[in-house]
Amino acid sequence: MKSAPARRGAGELWASGILVAGLSLAAWLYIADPLAQEKGPGRYELELGGTQATSEWDSRAYRRSLEYFSGKQGIFFAEVREWFGGIFQGAPLAIIVAGLTLAGAAITLHSTRGKE
């Protein structure tokens, strides 16, 4: 069994490692987000004026057929799926990683500081 100072030193070392690794990853994700290649513009201009949807979700026909086959809940779940997919990329993902890093480091420090 390790003594309290040795355990505290090991916990601080682990917490420091977690902080360095996690915050470095979060910074990289945040910086790399604008540099990522886009899958294409959401809309593009037509030669004769107006805009054309490039995503199937932007199309009124798609939304209408989705509602026809699955009702209002189909549209709701499609919107939730699109929102949920957007959370786990780019800047929102960097914020989530930074928060989990801080929580993990705090839990590590707390668990290694036994009663003295």
Protein backbone atom coordinates (compact mmCIF):
# COMPACT_ATOMS: atom_id res chain seq x y z
CA MET A 1 0.00 0.00 0.00
CA LYS A 2 1.38 3.39 -0.95
CA SER A 3 1.68 6.17 1.55
CA ALA A 4 -0.56 9.23 1.24
CA PRO A 5 2.12 11.56 -0.21
CA ALA A 6 3.19 8.96 -2.78
CA ARG A 7 -0.42 8.32 -3.75
CA ARG A 8 -1.08 12.06 -4.01
CA GLY A 9 2.04 12.54 -6.18
CA ALA A 10 0.96 9.72 -8.50
CA GLY A 11 -2.54 11.18 -8.71
CA GLU A 12 -1.19 14.61 -9.59
CA LEU A 13 1.01 13.05 -12.27
CA TRP A 14 -1.94 11.15 -13.76
CA ALA A 15 -4.19 14.23 -13.62
CA SER A 16 -1.50 16.31 -15.33
CA GLY A 17 -1.19 13.70 -18.08
CA ILE A 18 -4.96 13.61 -18.55
CA LEU A 19 -5.09 17.40 -18.76
CA VAL A 20 -2.24 17.68 -21.26
CA ALA A 21 -3.54 14.92 -23.52
CA GLY A 22 -7.21 15.90 -23.37
CA LEU A 23 -6.79 19.64 -23.75
CA SER A 24 -4.28 19.13 -26.57
CA LEU A 25 -6.82 16.95 -28.37
CA ALA A 26 -9.58 19.50 -27.75
CA ALA A 27 -7.40 22.34 -29.07
CA TRP A 28 -6.52 20.31 -32.16
CA LEU A 29 -10.20 19.52 -32.81
CA TYR A 30 -11.16 23.17 -32.37
CA ILE A 31 -8.40 24.45 -34.65
CA ALA A 32 -8.82 21.74 -37.29
CA ASP A 33 -12.59 22.30 -37.61
CA PRO A 34 -12.46 25.34 -39.94
CA LEU A 35 -9.60 23.76 -41.86
CA ALA A 36 -11.65 20.65 -42.66
CA GLN A 37 -12.87 20.38 -46.21
CA GLU A 38 -16.54 21.00 -46.55
CA LYS A 39 -18.68 18.40 -48.20
CA GLY A 40 -19.97 21.11 -50.48
CA PRO A 41 -22.13 24.15 -50.04
CA GLY A 42 -25.56 23.68 -48.56
CA ARG A 43 -27.05 25.46 -51.55
CA TYR A 44 -25.77 26.69 -54.87
CA GLU A 45 -26.96 29.44 -57.14
CA LEU A 46 -28.62 28.60 -60.44
CA GLU A 47 -27.63 30.46 -63.59
CA LEU A 48 -31.11 31.87 -64.12
CA GLY A 49 -31.55 32.88 -60.50
CA GLY A 50 -32.83 31.11 -57.43
CA THR A 51 -31.16 28.46 -55.37
CA GLN A 52 -31.08 24.69 -55.53
CA ALA A 53 -30.91 22.44 -52.49
CA THR A 54 -27.91 20.11 -52.39
CA SER A 55 -28.95 18.16 -49.32
CA GLU A 56 -31.92 15.85 -49.39
CA TRP A 57 -33.10 17.40 -46.13
CA ASP A 58 -33.35 20.81 -47.83
CA SER A 59 -35.78 19.44 -50.38
CA ARG A 60 -39.48 19.98 -49.72
CA ALA A 61 -40.30 16.81 -51.64
CA TYR A 62 -38.11 14.77 -49.30
CA ARG A 63 -39.74 16.26 -46.22
CA ARG A 64 -43.21 15.73 -47.68
CA SER A 65 -42.55 12.09 -48.54
CA LEU A 66 -40.94 11.51 -45.13
CA GLU A 67 -44.03 12.91 -43.44
CA TYR A 68 -46.30 10.88 -45.72
CA PHE A 69 -44.59 7.56 -44.93
CA SER A 70 -43.70 8.06 -41.26
CA GLY A 71 -45.80 10.95 -40.00
CA LYS A 72 -44.74 13.84 -37.82
CA GLN A 73 -42.58 11.59 -35.63
CA GLY A 74 -40.51 10.66 -38.70
CA ILE A 75 -39.66 14.32 -39.27
CA PHE A 76 -38.91 14.77 -35.57
CA PHE A 77 -36.55 11.79 -35.45
CA ALA A 78 -34.84 12.86 -38.68
CA GLU A 79 -34.22 16.30 -37.17
CA VAL A 80 -32.91 14.73 -33.93
CA ARG A 81 -30.60 12.46 -35.93
CA GLU A 82 -29.26 15.42 -37.90
CA TRP A 83 -28.74 17.47 -34.71
CA PHE A 84 -27.08 14.56 -32.90
CA GLY A 85 -24.75 13.96 -35.84
CA GLY A 86 -23.72 17.62 -35.83
CA ILE A 87 -22.75 17.59 -32.16
CA PHE A 88 -19.96 15.05 -32.57
CA GLN A 89 -17.82 16.97 -35.05
CA GLY A 90 -15.83 20.16 -35.02
CA ALA A 91 -16.05 22.80 -32.32
CA PRO A 92 -18.89 21.19 -30.31
CA LEU A 93 -16.84 18.00 -30.09
CA ALA A 94 -13.83 20.01 -28.89
CA ILE A 95 -15.92 21.54 -26.11
CA ILE A 96 -17.23 18.11 -25.07
CA VAL A 97 -13.69 16.67 -25.02
CA ALA A 98 -12.40 19.61 -22.94
CA GLY A 99 -15.23 19.20 -20.43
CA LEU A 100 -14.68 15.46 -20.10
CA THR A 101 -10.95 16.09 -19.69
CA LEU A 102 -11.50 18.53 -16.84
CA ALA A 103 -13.95 16.15 -15.18
CA GLY A 104 -11.57 13.19 -15.57
CA ALA A 105 -8.65 15.12 -14.09
CA ALA A 106 -10.78 16.32 -11.17
CA ILE A 107 -12.03 12.80 -10.46
CA THR A 108 -8.46 11.45 -10.61
CA LEU A 109 -7.22 14.08 -8.15
CA HIS A 110 -10.17 13.54 -5.83
CA SER A 111 -9.82 9.76 -5.80
CA THR A 112 -6.10 9.81 -5.02
CA ARG A 113 -6.35 12.30 -2.14
CA GLY A 114 -7.26 9.93 0.63
CA LYS A 115 -7.95 10.91 4.22
CA GLU A 116 -4.74 11.89 5.92
